Amino acid sequence: MPTTARIFLILGVIFLLIGGGLYLAAKLNLPLGRLPGDIRIQTENFSCFFPLATMILLSVILTIILNVIVRLLRK
């Protein structure tokens, strides 16, 4: 049971950091979700949003950050 609690605590901290980052991005007027390459389809009764460029950008940034962290922990 303690391992389950530890996993939930770690996930909670991760979600808190993600939420704080998104809040900070909104306050700084970063165009996440409004980049060129984000697909938005809107009709009268239907709307679909697929943030392709935003997902690629966040993926590249997170990959760089995680690689730096792993390299620092190996030393």
N, C-alpha and C. Protein backbone atom coordinates (compact mmCIF):
# COMPACT_ATOMS: atom_id res chain seq x y z
N MET A 1 0.79 -1.21 0.00
CA MET A 1 0.00 0.00 0.00
C MET A 1 0.84 1.28 0.00
N PRO A 2 1.96 1.32 0.72
CA PRO A 2 2.78 2.55 0.71
C PRO A 2 3.29 2.90 -0.68
N THR A 3 3.55 1.89 -1.53
CA THR A 3 4.04 2.21 -2.87
C THR A 3 2.95 2.88 -3.69
N THR A 4 1.71 2.47 -3.50
CA THR A 4 0.60 3.10 -4.21
C THR A 4 0.45 4.55 -3.77
N ALA A 5 0.57 4.79 -2.49
CA ALA A 5 0.48 6.17 -1.98
C ALA A 5 1.61 7.02 -2.54
N ARG A 6 2.80 6.45 -2.61
CA ARG A 6 3.94 7.19 -3.14
C ARG A 6 3.73 7.53 -4.61
N ILE A 7 3.19 6.59 -5.38
CA ILE A 7 2.91 6.84 -6.80
C ILE A 7 1.89 7.97 -6.95
N PHE A 8 0.84 7.95 -6.12
CA PHE A 8 -0.16 9.01 -6.21
C PHE A 8 0.41 10.36 -5.81
N LEU A 9 1.30 10.39 -4.84
CA LEU A 9 1.93 11.65 -4.46
C LEU A 9 2.81 12.19 -5.58
N ILE A 10 3.57 11.31 -6.21
CA ILE A 10 4.42 11.74 -7.32
C ILE A 10 3.57 12.24 -8.48
N LEU A 11 2.49 11.51 -8.80
CA LEU A 11 1.60 11.96 -9.88
C LEU A 11 0.96 13.31 -9.53
N GLY A 12 0.60 13.50 -8.26
CA GLY A 12 0.03 14.77 -7.84
C GLY A 12 0.99 15.93 -8.02
N VAL A 13 2.25 15.70 -7.69
CA VAL A 13 3.27 16.74 -7.86
C VAL A 13 3.47 17.03 -9.35
N ILE A 14 3.48 15.99 -10.16
CA ILE A 14 3.64 16.17 -11.61
C ILE A 14 2.48 16.99 -12.17
N PHE A 15 1.25 16.65 -11.77
CA PHE A 15 0.09 17.40 -12.26
C PHE A 15 0.12 18.84 -11.76
N LEU A 16 0.61 19.05 -10.55
CA LEU A 16 0.72 20.41 -10.02
C LEU A 16 1.72 21.22 -10.84
N LEU A 17 2.84 20.62 -11.20
CA LEU A 17 3.84 21.31 -12.01
C LEU A 17 3.31 21.61 -13.41
N ILE A 18 2.60 20.66 -14.00
CA ILE A 18 2.02 20.88 -15.33
C ILE A 18 0.99 22.00 -15.28
N GLY A 19 0.12 21.96 -14.28
CA GLY A 19 -0.90 23.00 -14.13
C GLY A 19 -0.29 24.37 -13.90
N GLY A 20 0.75 24.41 -13.07
CA GLY A 20 1.44 25.69 -12.83
C GLY A 20 2.10 26.21 -14.09
N GLY A 21 2.69 25.31 -14.87
CA GLY A 21 3.31 25.72 -16.13
C GLY A 21 2.29 26.26 -17.12
N LEU A 22 1.13 25.60 -17.20
CA LEU A 22 0.08 26.08 -18.11
C LEU A 22 -0.48 27.42 -17.64
N TYR A 23 -0.63 27.57 -16.33
CA TYR A 23 -1.10 28.85 -15.78
C TYR A 23 -0.11 29.97 -16.08
N LEU A 24 1.18 29.66 -15.90
CA LEU A 24 2.21 30.66 -16.20
C LEU A 24 2.25 31.00 -17.68
N ALA A 25 2.08 30.00 -18.54
CA ALA A 25 2.06 30.25 -19.98
C ALA A 25 0.89 31.14 -20.37
N ALA A 26 -0.25 30.95 -19.72
CA ALA A 26 -1.42 31.78 -20.02
C ALA A 26 -1.19 33.22 -19.54
N LYS A 27 -0.55 33.38 -18.38
CA LYS A 27 -0.28 34.72 -17.86
C LYS A 27 0.75 35.47 -18.71
N LEU A 28 1.68 34.73 -19.32
CA LEU A 28 2.70 35.36 -20.16
C LEU A 28 2.27 35.51 -21.61
N ASN A 29 1.03 35.17 -21.91
CA ASN A 29 0.45 35.26 -23.26
C ASN A 29 1.23 34.46 -24.29
N LEU A 30 1.72 33.29 -23.89
CA LEU A 30 2.36 32.40 -24.86
C LEU A 30 1.28 31.78 -25.74
N PRO A 31 1.54 31.67 -27.04
CA PRO A 31 0.48 31.23 -27.94
C PRO A 31 0.31 29.71 -28.01
N LEU A 32 0.44 29.00 -26.88
CA LEU A 32 0.24 27.56 -26.91
C LEU A 32 -1.21 27.26 -27.29
N GLY A 33 -1.38 26.43 -28.28
CA GLY A 33 -2.71 26.13 -28.78
C GLY A 33 -3.14 27.04 -29.91
N ARG A 34 -2.34 28.05 -30.20
CA ARG A 34 -2.66 28.98 -31.29
C ARG A 34 -1.49 29.13 -32.25
N LEU A 35 -0.63 28.12 -32.30
CA LEU A 35 0.53 28.17 -33.19
C LEU A 35 0.13 27.83 -34.62
N PRO A 36 0.91 28.30 -35.60
CA PRO A 36 0.66 27.85 -36.97
C PRO A 36 0.90 26.34 -37.03
N GLY A 37 -0.01 25.62 -37.58
CA GLY A 37 0.09 24.17 -37.62
C GLY A 37 -0.90 23.50 -36.69
N ASP A 38 -1.52 24.26 -35.79
CA ASP A 38 -2.59 23.73 -34.96
C ASP A 38 -3.86 23.69 -35.81
N ILE A 39 -4.52 22.56 -35.80
CA ILE A 39 -5.67 22.36 -36.68
C ILE A 39 -6.95 22.65 -35.90
N ARG A 40 -7.77 23.53 -36.46
CA ARG A 40 -9.06 23.87 -35.85
C ARG A 40 -10.13 23.81 -36.94
N ILE A 41 -11.12 22.97 -36.72
CA ILE A 41 -12.24 22.84 -37.65
C ILE A 41 -13.51 23.22 -36.90
N GLN A 42 -14.20 24.25 -37.39
CA GLN A 42 -15.43 24.68 -36.75
C GLN A 42 -16.51 24.82 -37.80
N THR A 43 -17.62 24.18 -37.53
CA THR A 43 -18.82 24.36 -38.35
C THR A 43 -19.94 24.79 -37.41
N GLU A 44 -21.13 24.82 -37.95
CA GLU A 44 -22.27 25.29 -37.16
C GLU A 44 -22.53 24.38 -35.95
N ASN A 45 -22.46 23.07 -36.13
CA ASN A 45 -22.80 22.14 -35.05
C ASN A 45 -21.63 21.30 -34.57
N PHE A 46 -20.43 21.59 -35.03
CA PHE A 46 -19.30 20.73 -34.73
C PHE A 46 -18.03 21.56 -34.62
N SER A 47 -17.21 21.23 -33.65
CA SER A 47 -15.89 21.86 -33.58
C SER A 47 -14.87 20.81 -33.18
N CYS A 48 -13.72 20.88 -33.80
CA CYS A 48 -12.63 19.95 -33.53
C CYS A 48 -11.33 20.74 -33.48
N PHE A 49 -10.52 20.47 -32.46
CA PHE A 49 -9.27 21.16 -32.28
C PHE A 49 -8.17 20.14 -32.07
N PHE A 50 -7.12 20.19 -32.88
CA PHE A 50 -5.99 19.28 -32.78
C PHE A 50 -4.71 20.10 -32.78
N PRO A 51 -4.11 20.34 -31.60
CA PRO A 51 -2.94 21.20 -31.50
C PRO A 51 -1.65 20.49 -31.92
N LEU A 52 -1.49 20.23 -33.19
CA LEU A 52 -0.36 19.45 -33.70
C LEU A 52 0.98 20.16 -33.43
N ALA A 53 1.10 21.41 -33.81
CA ALA A 53 2.36 22.15 -33.63
C ALA A 53 2.69 22.33 -32.16
N THR A 54 1.70 22.57 -31.33
CA THR A 54 1.92 22.73 -29.90
C THR A 54 2.42 21.42 -29.30
N MET A 55 1.83 20.30 -29.69
CA MET A 55 2.27 19.01 -29.17
C MET A 55 3.70 18.69 -29.57
N ILE A 56 4.07 19.00 -30.80
CA ILE A 56 5.44 18.76 -31.26
C ILE A 56 6.43 19.64 -30.49
N LEU A 57 6.08 20.91 -30.31
CA LEU A 57 6.95 21.83 -29.57
C LEU A 57 7.13 21.37 -28.12
N LEU A 58 6.06 21.01 -27.44
CA LEU A 58 6.16 20.54 -26.06
C LEU A 58 6.93 19.23 -25.98
N SER A 59 6.78 18.36 -26.95
CA SER A 59 7.52 17.11 -26.98
C SER A 59 9.01 17.35 -27.09
N VAL A 60 9.41 18.26 -27.95
CA VAL A 60 10.83 18.57 -28.11
C VAL A 60 11.39 19.19 -26.83
N ILE A 61 10.67 20.12 -26.23
CA ILE A 61 11.13 20.77 -25.01
C ILE A 61 11.25 19.76 -23.87
N LEU A 62 10.25 18.91 -23.69
CA LEU A 62 10.30 17.92 -22.61
C LEU A 62 11.40 16.89 -22.85
N THR A 63 11.65 16.52 -24.10
CA THR A 63 12.73 15.59 -24.40
C THR A 63 14.08 16.18 -24.02
N ILE A 64 14.29 17.44 -24.33
CA ILE A 64 15.55 18.11 -23.98
C ILE A 64 15.70 18.18 -22.46
N ILE A 65 14.64 18.58 -21.76
CA ILE A 65 14.71 18.70 -20.30
C ILE A 65 14.99 17.35 -19.65
N LEU A 66 14.29 16.30 -20.09
CA LEU A 66 14.50 14.98 -19.50
C LEU A 66 15.88 14.43 -19.81
N ASN A 67 16.41 14.69 -21.00
CA ASN A 67 17.77 14.25 -21.32
C ASN A 67 18.79 14.95 -20.43
N VAL A 68 18.61 16.22 -20.19
CA VAL A 68 19.53 16.95 -19.30
C VAL A 68 19.46 16.38 -17.89
N ILE A 69 18.25 16.12 -17.40
CA ILE A 69 18.09 15.56 -16.04
C ILE A 69 18.74 14.19 -15.93
N VAL A 70 18.54 13.32 -16.93
CA VAL A 70 19.13 11.99 -16.89
C VAL A 70 20.65 12.07 -16.93
N ARG A 71 21.19 12.94 -17.74
CA ARG A 71 22.65 13.08 -17.81
C ARG A 71 23.23 13.62 -16.51
N LEU A 72 22.51 14.51 -15.85
CA LEU A 72 22.99 15.04 -14.57
C LEU A 72 22.93 13.97 -13.47
N LEU A 73 21.92 13.11 -13.51
CA LEU A 73 21.79 12.08 -12.49
C LEU A 73 22.79 10.94 -12.68
N ARG A 74 23.29 10.73 -13.88
CA ARG A 74 24.26 9.66 -14.12
C ARG A 74 25.64 10.00 -13.58
N LYS A 75 25.96 11.27 -13.41
CA LYS A 75 27.30 11.68 -12.94
C LYS A 75 27.44 11.52 -11.47
